[in-house]
Amino acid sequence: MIPELHFACNIPGMSTVTINEKARRQRYDKLVATFNADLFRYAYWLSRDRQLAEDVVQDTLLRAWKSLDQLREDASAKHWLFTIVRREHARFYERKRLELVDIDTPGLHDENLATSGWNHDVEAVRDAMAELPVEYREPLVLQVSLGYSVKEIAELMELGDGAVLTRLFRARKKLKSILEESYASQ
């Protein structure tokens, strides 16, 4: 454990600063740099809205900064941050009542990729995944896109392993059905 060293600032109105704060800031910066892209990708899959995903990640990072001292081991930081993202996303819907509009799901694929030889099968799978209900889409995205194990998904979603396996099975089954319908109608 790092001993807490104090030094006085000569600036009027400023309090004593600790070297511990510098170490805390460095730890936070390292965690954010390591997981920022994954946090955004996860928030985007949850919300299907780029601006909302950015807001959720920003709120997540603020909450992570405030409670950084609760994180005992940096090895569990990814799970800790993903849990915060998931809860911040849920808080957004608790605070706001959104007006529902029946439109196509925009923004789930980058148009630049489509014009530069993007694989249409990958695009079809992404679109099909977007059609899945969130309770099936979330564990599937965590496993397929982010590489989480069933146990990690269960901890993150606060479910049992069996429930996660069931949701993954049903998600794949629904995904297969959506894709078969899509290809049959072409």
Protein backbone atom coordinates (compact mmCIF):
# COMPACT_ATOMS: atom_id res chain seq x y z
CA MET A 1 0.00 0.00 0.00
CA ILE A 2 1.26 3.44 -0.93
CA PRO A 3 1.82 5.69 2.06
CA GLU A 4 -0.18 8.88 1.92
CA LEU A 5 2.15 11.84 1.57
CA HIS A 6 0.90 15.38 1.99
CA PHE A 7 2.30 18.60 0.66
CA ALA A 8 0.92 22.06 1.06
CA CYS A 9 -0.14 24.28 -1.82
CA ASN A 10 0.76 27.93 -1.58
CA ILE A 11 -2.31 28.96 -3.56
CA PRO A 12 -4.91 30.68 -1.35
CA GLY A 13 -8.18 28.78 -1.10
CA MET A 14 -6.70 25.45 -2.22
CA SER A 15 -6.60 22.48 0.12
CA THR A 16 -3.80 20.03 0.75
CA VAL A 17 -3.25 17.64 -2.17
CA THR A 18 -2.09 14.05 -1.79
CA ILE A 19 0.20 12.07 -4.03
CA ASN A 20 -2.43 9.35 -3.69
CA GLU A 21 -4.71 11.44 -5.94
CA LYS A 22 -2.14 11.34 -8.74
CA ALA A 23 -1.92 7.54 -8.47
CA ARG A 24 -5.73 7.34 -8.42
CA ARG A 25 -5.94 9.46 -11.58
CA GLN A 26 -3.32 7.34 -13.35
CA ARG A 27 -5.20 4.16 -12.43
CA TYR A 28 -8.46 5.61 -13.72
CA ASP A 29 -6.88 6.84 -16.97
CA LYS A 30 -5.38 3.41 -17.59
CA LEU A 31 -8.74 1.66 -17.07
CA VAL A 32 -10.60 4.12 -19.28
CA ALA A 33 -8.02 3.86 -22.06
CA THR A 34 -8.16 0.06 -21.92
CA PHE A 35 -11.94 -0.40 -21.97
CA ASN A 36 -13.42 2.76 -23.48
CA ALA A 37 -14.08 1.29 -26.94
CA ASP A 38 -15.67 -1.86 -25.49
CA LEU A 39 -17.85 0.21 -23.17
CA PHE A 40 -19.13 2.26 -26.09
CA ARG A 41 -19.76 -0.82 -28.24
CA TYR A 42 -21.72 -2.46 -25.42
CA ALA A 43 -23.74 0.70 -24.69
CA TYR A 44 -24.48 1.06 -28.40
CA TRP A 45 -25.76 -2.51 -28.66
CA LEU A 46 -27.95 -1.95 -25.62
CA SER A 47 -29.43 1.34 -26.80
CA ARG A 48 -29.15 1.13 -30.59
CA ASP A 49 -28.58 4.87 -30.52
CA ARG A 50 -25.16 6.48 -30.88
CA GLN A 51 -25.94 9.62 -28.87
CA LEU A 52 -27.55 7.66 -26.05
CA ALA A 53 -24.59 5.26 -26.01
CA GLU A 54 -22.21 8.22 -25.69
CA ASP A 55 -24.29 9.62 -22.81
CA VAL A 56 -24.39 6.24 -21.07
CA VAL A 57 -20.62 5.85 -21.38
CA GLN A 58 -20.06 9.38 -20.09
CA ASP A 59 -22.30 8.71 -17.08
CA THR A 60 -20.53 5.39 -16.58
CA LEU A 61 -17.11 7.02 -16.53
CA LEU A 62 -18.29 9.65 -14.07
CA ARG A 63 -19.76 6.99 -11.77
CA ALA A 64 -16.58 4.90 -12.13
CA TRP A 65 -14.45 7.87 -11.12
CA LYS A 66 -16.58 8.52 -8.06
CA SER A 67 -16.46 4.91 -6.93
CA LEU A 68 -12.98 3.94 -8.13
CA ASP A 69 -11.88 3.19 -4.57
CA GLN A 70 -14.45 0.37 -4.44
CA LEU A 71 -12.62 -1.49 -7.23
CA ARG A 72 -10.20 -3.70 -5.35
CA GLU A 73 -8.48 -5.41 -8.28
CA ASP A 74 -7.84 -3.98 -11.72
CA ALA A 75 -8.30 -7.49 -13.14
CA SER A 76 -12.03 -7.25 -12.47
CA ALA A 77 -12.34 -3.75 -13.95
CA LYS A 78 -13.93 -4.84 -17.22
CA HIS A 79 -16.77 -6.65 -15.48
CA TRP A 80 -17.18 -3.76 -13.04
CA LEU A 81 -17.36 -1.16 -15.83
CA PHE A 82 -19.77 -3.25 -17.92
CA THR A 83 -22.05 -3.59 -14.92
CA ILE A 84 -22.03 0.18 -14.52
CA VAL A 85 -22.86 0.62 -18.23
CA ARG A 86 -25.76 -1.78 -17.92
CA ARG A 87 -27.12 -0.01 -14.85
CA GLU A 88 -26.66 3.47 -16.34
CA HIS A 89 -28.55 2.33 -19.42
CA ALA A 90 -31.38 1.11 -17.20
CA ARG A 91 -31.34 4.39 -15.25
CA PHE A 92 -31.82 6.31 -18.48
CA TYR A 93 -35.10 4.50 -19.10
CA GLU A 94 -36.17 4.93 -15.48
CA ARG A 95 -35.69 8.71 -15.75
CA LYS A 96 -37.25 9.26 -19.14
CA ARG A 97 -40.35 8.19 -20.93
CA LEU A 98 -39.44 8.05 -24.59
CA GLU A 99 -41.93 8.64 -27.36
CA LEU A 100 -42.14 5.47 -29.41
CA VAL A 101 -42.09 5.82 -33.16
CA ASP A 102 -42.40 2.95 -35.61
CA ILE A 103 -39.33 3.31 -37.84
CA ASP A 104 -36.60 1.12 -39.25
CA THR A 105 -33.62 0.64 -36.96
CA PRO A 106 -31.12 3.28 -38.11
CA GLY A 107 -27.39 3.34 -37.54
CA LEU A 108 -26.67 -0.31 -36.82
CA HIS A 109 -24.25 -0.51 -39.68
CA ASP A 110 -21.86 1.99 -41.10
CA GLU A 111 -22.79 3.09 -44.61
CA ASN A 112 -19.13 3.61 -45.46
CA LEU A 113 -18.51 -0.06 -44.83
CA ALA A 114 -21.38 -1.05 -47.11
CA THR A 115 -19.93 0.93 -49.99
CA SER A 116 -16.39 -0.36 -49.53
CA GLY A 117 -17.04 -4.05 -50.16
CA TRP A 118 -18.71 -4.81 -46.82
CA ASN A 119 -19.79 -8.42 -46.54
CA HIS A 120 -23.57 -8.44 -46.98
CA ASP A 121 -23.92 -11.61 -44.91
CA VAL A 122 -22.38 -9.85 -41.91
CA GLU A 123 -24.75 -6.94 -42.45
CA ALA A 124 -27.70 -9.33 -42.60
CA VAL A 125 -26.64 -10.97 -39.32
CA ARG A 126 -26.25 -7.56 -37.63
CA ASP A 127 -29.67 -6.48 -38.84
CA ALA A 128 -31.17 -9.76 -37.64
CA MET A 129 -29.50 -9.38 -34.24
CA ALA A 130 -31.00 -5.90 -33.97
CA GLU A 131 -34.45 -7.45 -34.37
CA LEU A 132 -33.96 -9.74 -31.38
CA PRO A 133 -35.63 -8.75 -28.10
CA VAL A 134 -33.11 -7.18 -25.72
CA GLU A 135 -33.19 -10.13 -23.30
CA TYR A 136 -31.83 -12.34 -26.11
CA ARG A 137 -29.72 -9.76 -27.95
CA GLU A 138 -27.73 -8.67 -24.89
CA PRO A 139 -26.20 -12.04 -23.93
CA LEU A 140 -25.57 -12.89 -27.59
CA VAL A 141 -23.69 -9.63 -28.17
CA LEU A 142 -21.71 -10.12 -24.97
CA GLN A 143 -20.66 -13.60 -26.06
CA VAL A 144 -20.16 -13.17 -29.80
CA SER A 145 -18.95 -9.58 -30.12
CA LEU A 146 -17.20 -9.04 -26.81
CA GLY A 147 -15.97 -12.55 -26.03
CA TYR A 148 -17.58 -13.01 -22.62
CA SER A 149 -17.96 -16.48 -21.18
CA VAL A 150 -21.33 -17.78 -19.97
CA LYS A 151 -20.19 -17.31 -16.37
CA GLU A 152 -19.15 -13.70 -17.00
CA ILE A 153 -22.46 -12.96 -18.75
CA ALA A 154 -24.36 -14.50 -15.85
CA GLU A 155 -22.51 -12.30 -13.35
CA LEU A 156 -22.97 -9.19 -15.45
CA MET A 157 -26.69 -9.76 -16.07
CA GLU A 158 -27.24 -11.07 -12.53
CA LEU A 159 -28.64 -14.37 -13.80
CA GLY A 160 -27.80 -18.01 -13.32
CA ASP A 161 -25.61 -19.87 -15.81
CA GLY A 162 -28.59 -21.93 -16.91
CA ALA A 163 -30.67 -18.84 -17.64
CA VAL A 164 -27.86 -17.41 -19.76
CA LEU A 165 -27.49 -20.67 -21.68
CA THR A 166 -31.23 -20.72 -22.29
CA ARG A 167 -31.23 -17.14 -23.55
CA LEU A 168 -28.26 -17.82 -25.81
CA PHE A 169 -29.96 -20.92 -27.23
CA ARG A 170 -33.20 -19.02 -27.86
CA ALA A 171 -31.32 -16.07 -29.31
CA ARG A 172 -29.54 -18.29 -31.83
CA LYS A 173 -32.78 -20.06 -32.68
CA LYS A 174 -34.60 -16.75 -33.25
CA LEU A 175 -31.64 -15.38 -35.19
CA LYS A 176 -31.66 -18.44 -37.45
CA SER A 177 -35.39 -18.04 -38.01
CA ILE A 178 -35.05 -14.34 -38.88
CA LEU A 179 -32.21 -15.06 -41.32
CA GLU A 180 -34.08 -17.93 -42.97
CA GLU A 181 -37.13 -15.70 -43.48
CA SER A 182 -34.92 -12.95 -44.87
CA TYR A 183 -33.20 -15.25 -47.38
CA ALA A 184 -36.48 -16.94 -48.34
CA SER A 185 -38.05 -13.57 -49.21
CA GLN A 186 -35.15 -12.59 -51.49
